[in-house]
N, C-alpha and C. Protein backbone atom coordinates (compact mmCIF):
# COMPACT_ATOMS: atom_id res chain seq x y z
N MET A 1 0.83 -1.35 0.00
CA MET A 1 0.04 -0.04 0.01
C MET A 1 1.01 1.32 0.04
N ALA A 2 0.48 2.31 -0.79
CA ALA A 2 1.43 3.38 -1.02
C ALA A 2 0.99 4.50 0.23
N LYS A 3 2.05 5.36 0.40
CA LYS A 3 1.90 6.07 1.58
C LYS A 3 2.01 7.56 1.27
N LEU A 4 1.70 8.41 2.34
CA LEU A 4 1.79 9.93 2.07
C LEU A 4 2.87 10.26 2.80
N TYR A 5 4.00 10.79 2.51
CA TYR A 5 4.94 11.10 3.45
C TYR A 5 5.04 12.54 3.68
N PHE A 6 5.63 13.20 4.77
CA PHE A 6 5.71 14.55 4.99
C PHE A 6 7.07 14.65 5.38
N TYR A 7 8.07 15.48 4.76
CA TYR A 7 9.36 15.82 5.14
C TYR A 7 9.58 17.18 5.70
N TYR A 8 9.62 17.47 6.93
CA TYR A 8 9.51 18.80 7.25
C TYR A 8 10.65 19.57 8.11
N SER A 9 10.72 20.72 7.94
CA SER A 9 12.22 21.29 8.59
C SER A 9 11.82 22.95 8.60
N ALA A 10 12.83 23.62 9.15
CA ALA A 10 13.21 25.15 9.10
C ALA A 10 13.59 25.23 7.68
N MET A 11 13.94 26.48 7.41
CA MET A 11 14.92 26.87 6.33
C MET A 11 15.96 26.34 6.12
N ASN A 12 16.43 26.01 4.93
CA ASN A 12 17.96 25.56 4.59
C ASN A 12 18.41 24.34 5.22
N ALA A 13 17.39 23.44 5.29
CA ALA A 13 17.50 22.13 5.67
C ALA A 13 17.92 21.28 4.54
N GLY A 14 17.58 21.63 3.21
CA GLY A 14 17.98 20.99 2.10
C GLY A 14 16.62 20.31 1.61
N LYS A 15 15.59 20.56 1.87
CA LYS A 15 14.43 19.80 1.52
C LYS A 15 14.38 19.54 -0.16
N SER A 16 14.45 20.72 -0.97
CA SER A 16 14.65 20.44 -2.17
C SER A 16 15.55 19.72 -2.87
N THR A 17 16.74 19.70 -2.10
CA THR A 17 17.91 18.66 -2.56
C THR A 17 17.35 17.43 -2.26
N VAL A 18 17.02 17.25 -1.06
CA VAL A 18 16.52 15.70 -0.87
C VAL A 18 15.33 15.02 -2.03
N LEU A 19 14.40 16.21 -2.29
CA LEU A 19 13.44 15.77 -3.13
C LEU A 19 13.91 15.61 -4.58
N LEU A 20 14.92 16.48 -5.04
CA LEU A 20 15.32 16.09 -6.37
C LEU A 20 16.21 15.07 -6.34
N GLN A 21 17.10 14.65 -5.24
CA GLN A 21 17.76 13.09 -5.06
C GLN A 21 16.67 12.11 -5.24
N SER A 22 15.65 12.04 -4.64
CA SER A 22 14.67 11.09 -4.43
C SER A 22 14.00 10.81 -5.83
N SER A 23 13.95 12.01 -6.64
CA SER A 23 13.26 11.83 -8.07
C SER A 23 14.36 11.31 -8.96
N HIS A 24 15.72 11.63 -8.75
CA HIS A 24 16.71 11.21 -9.56
C HIS A 24 17.12 9.58 -9.35
N ASN A 25 16.64 9.16 -7.98
CA ASN A 25 16.92 7.60 -7.58
C ASN A 25 15.86 6.89 -8.57
N TYR A 26 14.44 7.37 -8.55
CA TYR A 26 13.46 6.69 -9.27
C TYR A 26 13.90 6.66 -10.63
N ARG A 27 13.99 7.89 -11.42
CA ARG A 27 14.43 8.09 -12.59
C ARG A 27 15.63 7.16 -13.22
N GLU A 28 16.38 7.33 -12.36
CA GLU A 28 17.67 6.13 -12.69
C GLU A 28 17.42 4.63 -12.70
N ARG A 29 16.47 4.37 -12.09
CA ARG A 29 15.94 3.00 -12.60
C ARG A 29 14.88 2.96 -13.47
N GLY A 30 14.72 3.74 -14.30
CA GLY A 30 13.61 3.83 -15.53
C GLY A 30 12.19 4.02 -14.90
N MET A 31 12.02 4.59 -13.92
CA MET A 31 10.79 4.78 -13.35
C MET A 31 10.29 6.29 -13.46
N ARG A 32 8.99 6.66 -13.91
CA ARG A 32 8.70 8.05 -13.92
C ARG A 32 8.24 8.68 -12.99
N THR A 33 8.48 9.94 -12.56
CA THR A 33 8.12 10.69 -11.41
C THR A 33 7.41 11.94 -11.90
N LEU A 34 6.66 12.49 -10.99
CA LEU A 34 5.69 13.66 -11.52
C LEU A 34 6.14 14.59 -10.21
N LEU A 35 6.81 15.77 -10.36
CA LEU A 35 7.08 16.87 -9.62
C LEU A 35 6.04 17.72 -9.48
N PHE A 36 5.71 18.37 -8.60
CA PHE A 36 5.10 19.51 -8.46
C PHE A 36 5.64 20.76 -7.50
N ALA A 37 5.25 22.03 -8.03
CA ALA A 37 5.75 23.19 -7.18
C ALA A 37 4.55 24.15 -7.26
N PRO A 38 4.07 24.51 -6.06
CA PRO A 38 3.04 25.39 -5.87
C PRO A 38 3.34 26.77 -6.65
N SER A 39 2.53 27.29 -7.38
CA SER A 39 2.73 28.38 -8.33
C SER A 39 3.00 29.66 -7.77
N VAL A 40 2.66 29.77 -6.14
CA VAL A 40 2.92 30.67 -5.31
C VAL A 40 4.36 30.97 -5.19
N ASP A 41 5.31 29.97 -5.27
CA ASP A 41 6.65 30.07 -5.21
C ASP A 41 7.20 30.22 -6.58
N TYR A 42 7.67 31.45 -7.01
CA TYR A 42 8.19 31.71 -8.18
C TYR A 42 9.64 32.11 -8.36
N ARG A 43 10.34 31.68 -7.13
CA ARG A 43 11.70 32.31 -7.06
C ARG A 43 12.49 31.75 -8.20
N ALA A 44 12.53 30.42 -8.47
CA ALA A 44 13.05 29.82 -9.73
C ALA A 44 12.58 29.82 -10.84
N GLY A 45 11.34 30.49 -10.87
CA GLY A 45 10.25 30.57 -12.07
C GLY A 45 9.40 29.65 -11.70
N VAL A 46 8.09 29.83 -12.22
CA VAL A 46 6.82 29.11 -12.02
C VAL A 46 7.00 27.73 -12.67
N GLY A 47 6.77 26.67 -11.92
CA GLY A 47 6.99 25.40 -12.57
C GLY A 47 8.50 24.81 -12.50
N ARG A 48 9.42 25.49 -11.75
CA ARG A 48 10.50 24.92 -11.13
C ARG A 48 10.88 24.71 -9.91
N ILE A 49 11.64 23.79 -9.71
CA ILE A 49 12.36 23.26 -8.44
C ILE A 49 13.69 23.66 -8.41
N GLU A 50 14.35 24.41 -7.39
CA GLU A 50 15.67 24.69 -7.46
C GLU A 50 16.20 24.74 -5.90
N SER A 51 17.35 23.93 -5.83
CA SER A 51 17.75 23.76 -4.50
C SER A 51 19.03 24.83 -4.32
N ARG A 52 19.45 25.02 -2.98
CA ARG A 52 20.40 25.96 -2.65
C ARG A 52 21.70 25.66 -3.25
N ILE A 53 21.93 24.14 -3.44
CA ILE A 53 23.22 23.97 -3.85
C ILE A 53 23.50 23.99 -5.31
N GLY A 54 22.33 24.13 -6.17
CA GLY A 54 22.46 24.53 -7.65
C GLY A 54 21.48 23.21 -8.37
N LEU A 55 21.01 22.31 -7.73
CA LEU A 55 20.23 21.17 -8.54
C LEU A 55 18.96 22.04 -8.72
N THR A 56 18.48 21.61 -10.16
CA THR A 56 17.16 22.17 -10.50
C THR A 56 16.44 21.24 -11.25
N SER A 57 15.22 21.30 -11.43
CA SER A 57 14.25 20.37 -12.20
C SER A 57 12.84 21.27 -12.67
N SER A 58 12.46 20.80 -13.91
CA SER A 58 11.16 21.48 -14.25
C SER A 58 10.13 20.60 -13.33
N ALA A 59 9.00 21.48 -13.09
CA ALA A 59 7.99 20.61 -12.15
C ALA A 59 6.47 21.21 -12.97
N ALA A 60 5.62 20.53 -12.64
CA ALA A 60 4.29 21.09 -12.75
C ALA A 60 3.73 21.88 -11.62
N ALA A 61 3.29 23.19 -12.27
CA ALA A 61 2.89 24.15 -11.49
C ALA A 61 1.38 23.80 -10.80
N LEU A 62 1.23 24.16 -9.44
CA LEU A 62 0.15 23.55 -8.65
C LEU A 62 -0.52 24.83 -8.21
N THR A 63 -1.50 25.21 -8.55
CA THR A 63 -2.49 26.38 -8.05
C THR A 63 -3.34 25.80 -6.94
N PRO A 64 -3.75 26.83 -5.70
CA PRO A 64 -4.84 26.30 -4.88
C PRO A 64 -6.12 25.70 -5.54
N ALA A 65 -6.35 26.29 -6.68
CA ALA A 65 -7.51 25.70 -7.30
C ALA A 65 -7.55 24.21 -7.82
N ASP A 66 -6.23 23.65 -8.21
CA ASP A 66 -6.27 22.48 -8.64
C ASP A 66 -6.58 21.41 -7.87
N ASN A 67 -7.18 20.30 -8.63
CA ASN A 67 -7.37 19.04 -7.79
C ASN A 67 -6.13 18.08 -7.96
N LEU A 68 -5.56 17.89 -6.90
CA LEU A 68 -4.32 16.95 -7.20
C LEU A 68 -4.41 15.68 -7.58
N LEU A 69 -5.46 15.02 -6.85
CA LEU A 69 -5.69 13.71 -7.46
C LEU A 69 -5.99 13.62 -9.07
N ASN A 70 -6.85 14.63 -9.50
CA ASN A 70 -7.24 14.42 -10.84
C ASN A 70 -6.08 14.82 -11.80
N ARG A 71 -5.16 15.90 -11.32
CA ARG A 71 -4.14 15.97 -12.14
C ARG A 71 -3.16 14.62 -12.13
N VAL A 72 -2.98 13.93 -11.16
CA VAL A 72 -2.09 12.74 -11.07
C VAL A 72 -2.54 11.75 -12.08
N ARG A 73 -4.03 11.68 -11.85
CA ARG A 73 -4.69 10.64 -12.29
C ARG A 73 -4.76 10.69 -14.06
N THR A 74 -4.86 11.94 -14.58
CA THR A 74 -4.73 12.27 -15.64
C THR A 74 -3.15 11.94 -16.42
N GLU A 75 -2.11 12.33 -15.56
CA GLU A 75 -0.79 12.04 -16.08
C GLU A 75 -0.47 10.66 -15.88
N HIS A 76 -0.79 10.10 -14.81
CA HIS A 76 -0.67 8.38 -14.82
C HIS A 76 -1.33 7.73 -15.85
N ALA A 77 -2.48 8.22 -16.33
CA ALA A 77 -3.20 7.45 -17.37
C ALA A 77 -2.28 7.89 -18.95
N THR A 78 -1.68 8.95 -19.05
CA THR A 78 -0.90 9.06 -20.05
C THR A 78 0.32 8.41 -20.16
N SER A 79 1.01 8.21 -18.83
CA SER A 79 2.31 7.45 -18.84
C SER A 79 2.22 7.14 -17.36
N PRO A 80 2.42 5.84 -17.07
CA PRO A 80 2.49 5.48 -15.57
C PRO A 80 3.71 6.24 -14.73
N ILE A 81 3.10 6.69 -13.65
CA ILE A 81 4.02 7.32 -12.71
C ILE A 81 4.37 6.54 -11.62
N ALA A 82 5.58 6.23 -11.11
CA ALA A 82 6.08 5.54 -9.96
C ALA A 82 6.04 6.45 -8.61
N CYS A 83 6.00 7.80 -8.67
CA CYS A 83 6.01 8.53 -7.39
C CYS A 83 5.68 9.72 -7.63
N VAL A 84 4.98 10.57 -6.77
CA VAL A 84 4.68 11.92 -6.70
C VAL A 84 5.51 12.73 -5.80
N LEU A 85 6.13 13.77 -6.28
CA LEU A 85 6.89 14.47 -5.08
C LEU A 85 6.30 16.09 -5.27
N ILE A 86 6.29 16.70 -4.08
CA ILE A 86 5.77 17.96 -3.87
C ILE A 86 6.68 18.97 -3.25
N ASP A 87 7.17 20.03 -3.72
CA ASP A 87 8.03 21.04 -3.03
C ASP A 87 7.27 21.99 -2.56
N GLU A 88 7.87 22.43 -1.37
CA GLU A 88 7.11 23.80 -0.81
C GLU A 88 5.69 23.19 -0.37
N ALA A 89 5.46 22.13 0.30
CA ALA A 89 4.19 21.54 0.53
C ALA A 89 3.23 22.28 1.67
N GLN A 90 4.13 23.22 2.32
CA GLN A 90 3.16 24.03 3.19
C GLN A 90 2.25 25.00 2.55
N PHE A 91 2.36 25.05 1.25
CA PHE A 91 1.44 25.75 0.49
C PHE A 91 0.41 25.33 0.09
N LEU A 92 0.29 23.79 0.01
CA LEU A 92 -0.87 23.04 -0.29
C LEU A 92 -2.13 23.54 0.59
N THR A 93 -3.28 23.42 -0.01
CA THR A 93 -4.58 23.71 0.70
C THR A 93 -4.96 22.40 1.45
N PRO A 94 -5.61 22.74 2.64
CA PRO A 94 -5.95 21.30 3.43
C PRO A 94 -6.81 20.53 2.38
N ASP A 95 -7.83 20.86 1.49
CA ASP A 95 -8.19 20.04 0.47
C ASP A 95 -7.20 19.10 -0.43
N GLN A 96 -6.19 19.80 -0.83
CA GLN A 96 -5.17 19.21 -1.78
C GLN A 96 -4.32 18.19 -0.73
N VAL A 97 -4.21 18.44 0.42
CA VAL A 97 -3.71 17.18 0.99
C VAL A 97 -4.55 16.10 1.26
N TRP A 98 -5.86 16.38 1.53
CA TRP A 98 -6.69 15.05 1.42
C TRP A 98 -6.53 14.43 0.19
N GLN A 99 -6.49 15.31 -1.02
CA GLN A 99 -6.31 14.71 -2.34
C GLN A 99 -5.15 13.96 -2.71
N ALA A 100 -4.01 14.30 -1.71
CA ALA A 100 -2.81 13.61 -1.79
C ALA A 100 -3.01 12.23 -1.27
N THR A 101 -3.92 12.31 -0.23
CA THR A 101 -4.11 10.81 0.41
C THR A 101 -4.80 9.87 -0.58
N ASP A 102 -5.61 10.65 -1.33
CA ASP A 102 -6.25 9.89 -2.38
C ASP A 102 -5.55 9.15 -3.43
N VAL A 103 -4.43 9.93 -3.87
CA VAL A 103 -3.28 9.39 -4.81
C VAL A 103 -2.67 8.38 -4.09
N ALA A 104 -2.38 8.14 -2.84
CA ALA A 104 -1.67 7.02 -2.23
C ALA A 104 -3.04 5.92 -2.03
N ASP A 105 -4.06 6.10 -1.57
CA ASP A 105 -5.06 5.25 -1.38
C ASP A 105 -5.91 4.78 -2.43
N ILE A 106 -6.08 5.32 -3.62
CA ILE A 106 -6.93 5.09 -4.68
C ILE A 106 -5.88 4.71 -5.78
N LEU A 107 -4.96 5.53 -6.18
CA LEU A 107 -4.11 5.19 -7.19
C LEU A 107 -2.80 4.23 -6.59
N ASN A 108 -2.71 4.11 -5.53
CA ASN A 108 -1.63 3.43 -4.94
C ASN A 108 -0.14 4.02 -5.34
N LEU A 109 -0.05 5.17 -5.38
CA LEU A 109 1.04 5.72 -5.70
C LEU A 109 1.68 6.62 -4.57
N PRO A 110 3.15 6.58 -4.19
CA PRO A 110 3.46 7.03 -2.97
C PRO A 110 3.68 8.67 -3.68
N VAL A 111 3.38 9.41 -2.32
CA VAL A 111 3.58 10.93 -2.31
C VAL A 111 4.58 11.37 -1.35
N LEU A 112 5.48 12.03 -1.79
CA LEU A 112 6.57 12.39 -1.08
C LEU A 112 6.23 14.13 -0.95
N CYS A 113 6.04 14.57 0.30
CA CYS A 113 5.92 16.10 0.50
C CYS A 113 7.02 16.65 1.30
N TYR A 114 7.52 17.85 0.79
CA TYR A 114 8.34 18.43 1.30
C TYR A 114 8.11 19.95 1.78
N GLY A 115 8.24 20.26 3.00
CA GLY A 115 7.86 21.76 3.33
C GLY A 115 8.26 22.04 4.64
N LEU A 116 7.93 23.32 4.97
CA LEU A 116 8.13 23.95 6.29
C LEU A 116 7.08 23.42 7.17
N ARG A 117 7.36 23.51 8.38
CA ARG A 117 6.36 23.30 9.40
C ARG A 117 5.56 24.26 9.91
N THR A 118 6.49 25.66 10.18
CA THR A 118 5.90 26.50 10.86
C THR A 118 6.19 27.94 10.03
N ASP A 119 5.49 29.06 10.24
CA ASP A 119 5.83 30.24 9.37
C ASP A 119 6.61 31.13 10.58
N PHE A 120 6.89 32.38 10.03
CA PHE A 120 7.87 33.25 10.98
C PHE A 120 7.30 33.69 12.30
N LYS A 121 5.87 33.26 12.47
CA LYS A 121 5.50 33.60 13.86
C LYS A 121 5.46 32.56 14.69
N GLY A 122 5.86 31.18 13.80
CA GLY A 122 5.56 30.14 14.81
C GLY A 122 4.56 29.30 14.58
N ASN A 123 3.68 29.58 13.91
CA ASN A 123 2.27 29.26 13.47
C ASN A 123 2.48 28.21 12.38
N LEU A 124 1.54 27.09 12.44
CA LEU A 124 1.63 26.18 11.36
C LEU A 124 0.98 26.76 10.23
N PHE A 125 1.48 26.23 8.98
CA PHE A 125 0.95 26.77 7.93
C PHE A 125 -0.20 25.57 7.59
N PRO A 126 -1.47 25.89 7.04
CA PRO A 126 -2.70 25.18 6.82
C PRO A 126 -2.22 23.61 6.05
N GLY A 127 -1.23 23.77 4.93
CA GLY A 127 -0.76 22.85 4.45
C GLY A 127 -0.09 21.64 5.34
N SER A 128 0.85 22.51 6.02
CA SER A 128 1.44 21.66 6.96
C SER A 128 0.72 20.91 8.07
N ALA A 129 -0.17 21.81 8.57
CA ALA A 129 -1.13 21.34 9.80
C ALA A 129 -1.85 19.96 8.96
N SER A 130 -2.26 20.14 8.09
CA SER A 130 -3.03 18.71 7.31
C SER A 130 -1.98 17.88 7.22
N LEU A 131 -1.06 17.92 6.67
CA LEU A 131 0.11 16.89 6.37
C LEU A 131 0.43 16.15 7.83
N LEU A 132 0.77 17.12 8.95
CA LEU A 132 0.98 16.47 10.03
C LEU A 132 -0.21 15.47 10.46
N ALA A 133 -1.44 16.05 10.41
CA ALA A 133 -2.60 15.22 10.69
C ALA A 133 -2.84 13.63 9.94
N LEU A 134 -2.57 13.91 8.65
CA LEU A 134 -2.91 12.88 7.54
C LEU A 134 -1.85 11.99 7.19
N ALA A 135 -0.63 12.46 7.00
CA ALA A 135 0.47 11.70 6.51
C ALA A 135 0.86 10.39 7.38
N ASP A 136 1.30 9.43 6.40
CA ASP A 136 1.47 8.23 6.98
C ASP A 136 2.80 7.99 7.73
N ASP A 137 3.79 8.99 7.24
CA ASP A 137 5.21 9.10 7.93
C ASP A 137 5.65 10.30 7.79
N LEU A 138 5.93 10.55 9.12
CA LEU A 138 6.63 12.19 9.11
C LEU A 138 8.16 11.94 9.34
N THR A 139 8.81 13.10 8.67
CA THR A 139 10.33 12.88 8.83
C THR A 139 10.80 14.42 9.16
N GLU A 140 11.62 14.72 10.14
CA GLU A 140 12.30 15.84 10.18
C GLU A 140 13.32 15.95 9.56
N LEU A 141 13.88 16.97 8.76
CA LEU A 141 15.05 17.15 8.06
C LEU A 141 15.68 18.13 8.94
N LYS A 142 16.85 17.87 9.46
CA LYS A 142 17.29 18.83 10.51
C LYS A 142 18.39 20.04 9.63
N THR A 143 18.53 21.35 10.26
CA THR A 143 19.53 22.08 9.94
C THR A 143 19.84 22.69 11.40
N ILE A 144 20.59 23.66 11.41
CA ILE A 144 21.17 24.15 12.65
C ILE A 144 21.09 25.67 12.76
N CYS A 145 21.17 26.28 13.86
CA CYS A 145 21.04 27.65 14.20
C CYS A 145 22.60 28.05 14.32
N HIS A 146 22.83 29.43 14.21
CA HIS A 146 24.13 29.75 14.36
C HIS A 146 24.98 29.42 15.67
N CYS A 147 24.24 28.87 16.51
CA CYS A 147 24.76 28.66 18.02
C CYS A 147 24.89 27.25 17.92
N GLY A 148 24.74 26.37 16.85
CA GLY A 148 25.19 24.82 16.79
C GLY A 148 23.96 24.08 17.07
N ARG A 149 22.87 24.66 17.80
CA ARG A 149 21.69 23.67 18.29
C ARG A 149 20.71 23.56 16.88
N LYS A 150 20.05 22.67 17.14
CA LYS A 150 18.95 22.37 15.94
C LYS A 150 17.92 23.49 15.82
N ALA A 151 18.05 23.92 14.50
CA ALA A 151 17.17 24.90 14.15
C ALA A 151 15.84 24.46 13.89
N THR A 152 14.53 25.08 14.57
CA THR A 152 13.25 24.65 14.29
C THR A 152 12.20 25.74 14.26
N MET A 153 12.95 27.03 13.98
CA MET A 153 12.07 28.28 13.92
C MET A 153 12.59 29.08 12.31
N ASN A 154 11.81 29.66 11.88
CA ASN A 154 12.24 30.40 10.85
C ASN A 154 11.97 32.01 11.05
N LEU A 155 12.95 32.80 11.20
CA LEU A 155 13.00 34.03 11.41
C LEU A 155 12.93 34.97 10.23
N ARG A 156 11.87 35.84 10.10
CA ARG A 156 11.70 36.90 8.79
C ARG A 156 12.57 37.94 9.17
N ILE A 157 13.36 38.37 8.37
CA ILE A 157 14.16 39.63 8.50
C ILE A 157 14.03 40.63 7.61
N ASP A 158 14.28 41.96 7.84
CA ASP A 158 13.87 42.97 6.87
C ASP A 158 15.49 43.21 6.12
N ALA A 159 15.41 44.18 5.08
CA ALA A 159 16.77 44.51 4.38
C ALA A 159 17.94 44.72 5.16
N ALA A 160 17.63 45.21 6.59
CA ALA A 160 18.81 45.53 7.43
C ALA A 160 19.28 44.15 8.09
N GLY A 161 18.50 43.15 8.03
CA GLY A 161 18.73 42.00 8.89
C GLY A 161 17.96 42.01 10.31
N HIS A 162 17.33 42.92 10.50
CA HIS A 162 16.31 42.95 11.66
C HIS A 162 15.14 42.01 11.90
N ALA A 163 14.56 41.63 13.02
CA ALA A 163 13.70 40.46 12.86
C ALA A 163 12.34 41.45 12.42
N VAL A 164 11.51 40.69 11.84
CA VAL A 164 10.14 41.12 11.55
C VAL A 164 9.15 40.41 12.38
N ARG A 165 8.35 41.16 13.09
CA ARG A 165 7.37 40.30 13.82
C ARG A 165 5.80 40.26 13.38
N ASP A 166 5.52 41.19 12.37
CA ASP A 166 4.28 41.26 11.73
C ASP A 166 4.24 41.14 10.32
N GLY A 167 3.09 40.65 9.55
CA GLY A 167 2.96 40.71 8.15
C GLY A 167 2.21 39.27 7.62
N ALA A 168 2.07 39.33 6.41
CA ALA A 168 1.29 38.17 5.85
C ALA A 168 1.99 36.84 6.04
N GLN A 169 1.29 35.87 6.15
CA GLN A 169 1.88 34.80 6.68
C GLN A 169 2.84 34.12 5.43
N VAL A 170 2.20 34.50 4.14
CA VAL A 170 3.25 34.11 3.20
C VAL A 170 3.82 35.17 2.39
N GLU A 171 5.23 35.12 2.47
CA GLU A 171 6.16 36.11 1.90
C GLU A 171 7.30 35.40 1.43
N ILE A 172 7.29 35.30 -0.06
CA ILE A 172 8.16 34.25 -0.76
C ILE A 172 9.75 35.03 -0.27
N GLY A 173 10.63 34.17 0.10
CA GLY A 173 12.01 34.80 0.18
C GLY A 173 12.96 33.52 0.56
N GLY A 174 14.22 33.94 0.30
CA GLY A 174 15.15 32.83 0.46
C GLY A 174 16.09 33.33 1.80
N ASN A 175 17.32 33.19 1.72
CA ASN A 175 18.26 33.88 2.79
C ASN A 175 18.30 35.21 3.04
N ASP A 176 17.83 35.80 2.06
CA ASP A 176 17.68 37.55 2.10
C ASP A 176 16.48 37.66 3.16
N ARG A 177 15.59 36.74 3.25
CA ARG A 177 14.38 37.34 4.22
C ARG A 177 14.21 36.44 5.34
N TYR A 178 14.95 35.23 5.35
CA TYR A 178 14.66 34.17 6.47
C TYR A 178 15.85 33.82 6.99
N VAL A 179 15.88 33.43 8.36
CA VAL A 179 16.87 32.78 8.91
C VAL A 179 16.48 31.65 9.71
N ALA A 180 17.08 30.58 9.72
CA ALA A 180 16.61 29.54 10.56
C ALA A 180 17.45 29.44 11.86
N MET A 181 16.54 29.33 13.04
CA MET A 181 16.95 29.48 14.39
C MET A 181 16.48 28.43 15.20
N CYS A 182 17.32 28.09 16.39
CA CYS A 182 16.66 27.47 17.50
C CYS A 182 15.58 28.28 18.23
N ARG A 183 14.61 27.95 18.94
CA ARG A 183 13.71 28.35 19.60
C ARG A 183 14.23 29.53 20.47
N ARG A 184 15.19 29.42 21.13
CA ARG A 184 15.54 30.49 22.16
C ARG A 184 16.14 31.47 21.59
N HIS A 185 17.00 31.34 20.43
CA HIS A 185 17.58 32.66 19.52
C HIS A 185 16.45 33.27 18.77
N PHE A 186 15.35 32.36 18.39
CA PHE A 186 14.01 33.10 17.78
C PHE A 186 13.55 34.03 18.68
N LYS A 187 13.16 33.58 19.89
CA LYS A 187 12.54 34.37 21.02
C LYS A 187 13.40 35.54 21.24
N SER A 188 14.69 35.45 21.20
CA SER A 188 15.55 36.56 21.72
C SER A 188 15.42 37.63 20.48
N ALA A 189 15.71 37.20 19.28
CA ALA A 189 15.61 38.10 17.90
C ALA A 189 14.27 38.91 18.10
N LEU A 190 13.06 38.24 18.40
CA LEU A 190 11.72 38.96 18.41
C LEU A 190 11.74 39.84 19.32
N THR A 191 12.37 39.65 20.68
CA THR A 191 12.22 40.37 21.71
C THR A 191 12.96 41.70 21.33
N ALA A 192 14.28 41.59 20.99
CA ALA A 192 15.03 42.65 20.42
C ALA A 192 14.49 43.60 19.35
N ALA A 193 13.46 42.86 18.43
CA ALA A 193 12.80 43.59 17.72
C ALA A 193 11.65 44.45 18.37
N ASN A 194 11.32 43.98 19.35
CA ASN A 194 10.16 44.79 20.06
C ASN A 194 10.55 44.90 21.49
N PRO A 195 11.57 45.76 21.99
CA PRO A 195 11.64 45.77 23.54
C PRO A 195 10.74 46.22 24.18
N LYS A 196 10.45 45.64 25.49
CA LYS A 196 9.33 46.09 26.20
C LYS A 196 10.01 47.64 26.74
N PRO A 197 8.68 48.53 26.85
CA PRO A 197 8.97 49.86 27.45
C PRO A 197 9.47 50.04 28.82
N ALA A 198 10.27 50.95 29.05
CA ALA A 198 11.10 51.26 30.26
C ALA A 198 9.89 51.57 31.39
N THR A 199 10.15 50.84 32.54
CA THR A 199 9.20 50.89 33.60
C THR A 199 9.34 52.40 33.98
N PRO A 200 8.37 53.44 34.30
CA PRO A 200 8.51 54.71 34.73
C PRO A 200 9.22 54.58 36.23
N ALA A 201 10.03 55.71 36.52
CA ALA A 201 10.73 55.57 37.76
C ALA A 201 9.70 56.20 38.73
C-alpha cells in the first residue's frame, strides 16, 4: 500500500535537494516521477524546483484551485508514474492534502511532500497542519542555528537584517528574508525587535 510522506524542517535544511535526489533515484531505475511546485513560489520561475546547492528541475505548477488527484490521475493514464513529489508543501490547501491521500489510497502511488512546518510567527501553515495530521510517515530534516543547536524556527528579517514580527503569513524569500534559528534565539531576536518599554521611575 502506498503512503503519504511529509518531510518537514526549518529553512535551509535541504528539502528541495532531498526531493530532487529522490526523483533522480527513481528515474535512474527507469521509473517516471511527477514533480509539483506551488505556483505561489516563483523564486526559480513558475514550475521549477531549485535547491540552494544548484540542483534544478522542471515541475508541474500547482495552484490552490487545482485538484491534485485529478491531475495525477490524468498524468498517470498518459504514462505510468512511480512516485509523486511535492516541493514547498506548506502551500498546499487542506483539500489538496486530502487529495494527496487519495493519490496514495486510490491510485496506490507514493506521495512525498517536502515543506516548512511553521511560519515566521511559529504558527503552522494550513498545508503543514493537514500533512502533520494525515501523513502516514513524518520525517524531520534537520538544520542548525548559528549557535549550533537544531534550528526549528524561521525568523523573517528586513533588508537591514532585523527581525520582523508582523506581516502576511506568506512572503516568498530565501536567505535574504529568512534565517533558521533554534527556539531560544528566535525568541531573543523577536524580543530585540520589540523591546518592552522602560518602567516609569
